[in-house]
C-alpha atoms as a PDB file:
ATOM      1  CA  MET A   1      25.212   3.149  -4.295  1.00  0.00           C
ATOM      2  CA  PRO A   2      21.466   1.250  -5.620  1.00  0.00           C
ATOM      3  CA  CYS A   3      18.926   1.927  -5.227  1.00  0.00           C
ATOM      4  CA  HIS A   4      15.285   0.152  -4.505  1.00  0.00           C
ATOM      5  CA  PRO A   5      12.764   0.459  -7.895  1.00  0.00           C
ATOM      6  CA  LEU A   6      10.332   1.824  -4.540  1.00  0.00           C
ATOM      7  CA  GLY A   7      13.083   4.269  -4.181  1.00  0.00           C
ATOM      8  CA  ARG A   8      13.958   2.797  -0.756  1.00  0.00           C
ATOM      9  CA  LYS A   9      17.112   1.470  -0.235  1.00  0.00           C
ATOM     10  CA  SER A  10      18.548  -1.952  -1.330  1.00  0.00           C
ATOM     11  CA  PRO A  11      18.408  -4.670   0.596  1.00  0.00           C
ATOM     12  CA  GLU A  12      22.661  -4.249   1.069  1.00  0.00           C
ATOM     13  CA  ASP A  13      22.502  -0.405   1.573  1.00  0.00           C
ATOM     14  CA  GLN A  14      20.037  -1.024   4.593  1.00  0.00           C
ATOM     15  CA  ALA A  15      22.460  -3.976   5.813  1.00  0.00           C
ATOM     16  CA  ILE A  16      24.809  -1.141   5.973  1.00  0.00           C
ATOM     17  CA  GLU A  17      23.025   2.451   7.470  1.00  0.00           C
ATOM     18  CA  GLY A  18      21.267   0.541  10.970  1.00  0.00           C
ATOM     19  CA  PRO A  19      18.214  -1.192  12.039  1.00  0.00           C
ATOM     20  CA  PRO A  20      15.705  -1.581   9.478  1.00  0.00           C
ATOM     21  CA  PRO A  21      11.858   0.419   9.519  1.00  0.00           C
ATOM     22  CA  ILE A  22       9.184  -0.564  11.859  1.00  0.00           C
ATOM     23  CA  CYS A  23       5.505  -1.480   9.924  1.00  0.00           C
ATOM     24  CA  PRO A  24       3.167   0.968  11.629  1.00  0.00           C
ATOM     25  CA  ILE A  25       0.536  -1.448  11.595  1.00  0.00           C
ATOM     26  CA  CYS A  26       2.213  -4.726  13.623  1.00  0.00           C
ATOM     27  CA  GLU A  27       4.731  -2.069  14.786  1.00  0.00           C
ATOM     28  CA  ARG A  28       7.649  -5.462  13.717  1.00  0.00           C
ATOM     29  CA  PRO A  29      10.874  -4.684  12.619  1.00  0.00           C
ATOM     30  CA  ILE A  30      10.742  -5.063   7.935  1.00  0.00           C
ATOM     31  CA  PRO A  31      14.081  -6.807   7.619  1.00  0.00           C
ATOM     32  CA  ALA A  32      15.694  -6.528   4.163  1.00  0.00           C
ATOM     33  CA  GLY A  33      14.655 -10.121   3.460  1.00  0.00           C
ATOM     34  CA  ALA A  34      10.675  -9.761   4.379  1.00  0.00           C
ATOM     35  CA  LYS A  35       7.724  -8.687   1.319  1.00  0.00           C
ATOM     36  CA  GLN A  36       6.838  -5.100   1.688  1.00  0.00           C
ATOM     37  CA  SER A  37       5.007  -2.503  -0.370  1.00  0.00           C
ATOM     38  CA  LEU A  38       4.429   0.806  -0.096  1.00  0.00           C
ATOM     39  CA  HIS A  39       0.852   2.078   1.628  1.00  0.00           C
ATOM     40  CA  HIS A  40      -0.695   5.698   0.533  1.00  0.00           C
ATOM     41  CA  LEU A  41      -2.629   6.933   3.658  1.00  0.00           C
ATOM     42  CA  VAL A  42      -5.304   7.741   1.451  1.00  0.00           C
ATOM     43  CA  PRO A  43      -5.910   5.483  -1.813  1.00  0.00           C
ATOM     44  CA  LYS A  44      -4.911   7.401  -5.092  1.00  0.00           C
ATOM     45  CA  LEU A  45      -7.852   6.708  -6.438  1.00  0.00           C
ATOM     46  CA  LYS A  46      -9.965   8.657  -3.099  1.00  0.00           C
ATOM     47  CA  GLY A  47      -7.269  11.884  -4.313  1.00  0.00           C
ATOM     48  CA  GLY A  48      -4.140  10.710  -2.322  1.00  0.00           C
ATOM     49  CA  LYS A  49      -1.943  10.418  -5.522  1.00  0.00           C
ATOM     50  CA  GLY A  50       1.714  12.273  -4.104  1.00  0.00           C
ATOM     51  CA  GLY A  51       0.175  12.070  -0.595  1.00  0.00           C
ATOM     52  CA  PRO A  52       1.859  10.584   2.037  1.00  0.00           C
ATOM     53  CA  VAL A  53       3.266   6.301   2.100  1.00  0.00           C
ATOM     54  CA  VAL A  54       4.633   4.292   4.517  1.00  0.00           C
ATOM     55  CA  LEU A  55       5.968   0.983   4.027  1.00  0.00           C
ATOM     56  CA  LEU A  56       4.622  -1.909   5.577  1.00  0.00           C
ATOM     57  CA  HIS A  57       5.144  -5.566   5.590  1.00  0.00           C
ATOM     58  CA  GLN A  58       3.490  -7.061   2.401  1.00  0.00           C
ATOM     59  CA  ILE A  59       1.152  -9.095   4.658  1.00  0.00           C
ATOM     60  CA  CYS A  60      -0.350  -6.270   6.648  1.00  0.00           C
ATOM     61  CA  HIS A  61      -1.039  -4.373   3.453  1.00  0.00           C
ATOM     62  CA  ASN A  62      -2.450  -7.083   1.968  1.00  0.00           C
ATOM     63  CA  GLU A  63      -5.464  -7.321   5.339  1.00  0.00           C
ATOM     64  CA  ILE A  64      -6.156  -3.481   5.331  1.00  0.00           C
ATOM     65  CA  HIS A  65      -7.232  -3.530   1.521  1.00  0.00           C
ATOM     66  CA  ALA A  66      -8.846  -6.979   2.889  1.00  0.00           C
ATOM     67  CA  ALA A  67     -11.199  -5.730   5.226  1.00  0.00           C
ATOM     68  CA  LEU A  68     -11.781  -1.583   4.350  1.00  0.00           C
ATOM     69  CA  THR A  69     -12.890  -0.442   1.139  1.00  0.00           C
ATOM     70  CA  GLU A  70     -11.056   2.822  -0.343  1.00  0.00           C
ATOM     71  CA  ALA A  71     -14.020   4.715   0.879  1.00  0.00           C
ATOM     72  CA  GLU A  72     -13.432   3.749   3.821  1.00  0.00           C
ATOM     73  CA  LEU A  73      -9.978   4.348   3.570  1.00  0.00           C
ATOM     74  CA  ALA A  74     -10.018   7.660   2.486  1.00  0.00           C
ATOM     75  CA  ARG A  75     -13.043   8.572   4.966  1.00  0.00           C
ATOM     76  CA  ASP A  76     -11.807   7.484   8.084  1.00  0.00           C
ATOM     77  CA  TYR A  77      -8.021   5.006   8.051  1.00  0.00           C
ATOM     78  CA  HIS A  78      -5.634   7.587   6.695  1.00  0.00           C
ATOM     79  CA  THR A  79      -3.833   7.198   9.807  1.00  0.00           C
ATOM     80  CA  PRO A  80      -1.434   4.222  11.409  1.00  0.00           C
ATOM     81  CA  GLU A  81      -3.197   4.896  14.495  1.00  0.00           C
ATOM     82  CA  ALA A  82      -6.807   4.937  12.850  1.00  0.00           C
ATOM     83  CA  LEU A  83      -5.426   1.312  10.897  1.00  0.00           C
ATOM     84  CA  ARG A  84      -4.344  -0.477  14.126  1.00  0.00           C
ATOM     85  CA  ALA A  85      -8.188   0.773  16.108  1.00  0.00           C
ATOM     86  CA  HIS A  86     -10.224  -1.434  13.180  1.00  0.00           C
ATOM     87  CA  PRO A  87     -11.511  -4.122  14.985  1.00  0.00           C
ATOM     88  CA  ARG A  88     -10.865  -5.998  12.381  1.00  0.00           C
ATOM     89  CA  LEU A  89      -6.900  -5.116  11.648  1.00  0.00           C
ATOM     90  CA  ALA A  90      -6.788  -5.462  15.706  1.00  0.00           C
ATOM     91  CA  LYS A  91      -7.108  -8.610  16.120  1.00  0.00           C
ATOM     92  CA  PHE A  92      -4.610  -9.483  13.348  1.00  0.00           C
ATOM     93  CA  ILE A  93      -2.299  -7.007  15.051  1.00  0.00           C
ATOM     94  CA  ALA A  94      -2.645  -9.396  17.803  1.00  0.00           C
ATOM     95  CA  TRP A  95      -1.859 -12.568  15.670  1.00  0.00           C
ATOM     96  CA  VAL A  96       0.577 -11.310  13.932  1.00  0.00           C
ATOM     97  CA  ARG A  97       2.566  -9.836  16.394  1.00  0.00           C
ATOM     98  CA  LYS A  98       3.397 -13.925  17.724  1.00  0.00           C
ATOM     99  CA  ARG A  99       4.840 -13.982  14.063  1.00  0.00           C
ATOM    100  CA  PRO A 100       8.670 -13.425  12.883  1.00  0.00           C
ATOM    101  CA  PRO A 101       9.605 -10.237  11.146  1.00  0.00           C
ATOM    102  CA  THR A 102       9.661 -11.986   7.564  1.00  0.00           C
ATOM    103  CA  PHE A 103       6.608 -14.447   8.100  1.00  0.00           C
ATOM    104  CA  HIS A 104       4.562 -14.213   5.224  1.00  0.00           C
ATOM    105  CA  SER A 105       1.020 -16.321   4.665  1.00  0.00           C
ATOM    106  CA  LYS A 106      -2.354 -15.886   1.913  1.00  0.00           C
ATOM    107  CA  THR A 107      -4.879 -13.054   3.016  1.00  0.00           C
ATOM    108  CA  PRO A 108      -8.081 -14.863   3.910  1.00  0.00           C
ATOM    109  CA  ALA A 109     -10.517 -15.667   1.502  1.00  0.00           C
ATOM    110  CA  ARG A 110     -12.941 -14.205   2.475  1.00  0.00           C
ATOM    111  CA  LEU A 111     -11.465 -10.769   1.636  1.00  0.00           C
ATOM    112  CA  ARG A 112     -14.135  -7.826   2.087  1.00  0.00           C
ATOM    113  CA  LYS A 113     -17.372  -7.464   4.918  1.00  0.00           C
ATOM    114  CA  ARG A 114     -19.859  -6.316   3.146  1.00  0.00           C
ATOM    115  CA  LYS A 115     -22.456  -4.413   4.272  1.00  0.00           C
END
């Protein structure tokens, strides 16, 4: 049984085994053909190496890192619930939920909101 380089099932195996996983950020399914990635709930640079990871749509992952610094992620936003409650991410989630699960686009040029 072939396995994905990140330890995930290959698209063929995933299709055989059942429904696709659900993105814990936008709560849409992550079909085998969708761009996806693993997100460390606590950034590796802030002590999260070997810690819990979640599978996300790539667009959701990009938005998290565009909206928040590594320090903010480690300190205040290390759960899917906390991430969904962040004002910028909540607005993004409302927008992306209207798109198909395979939708992907570039993250806006204005990446991080500086304080």
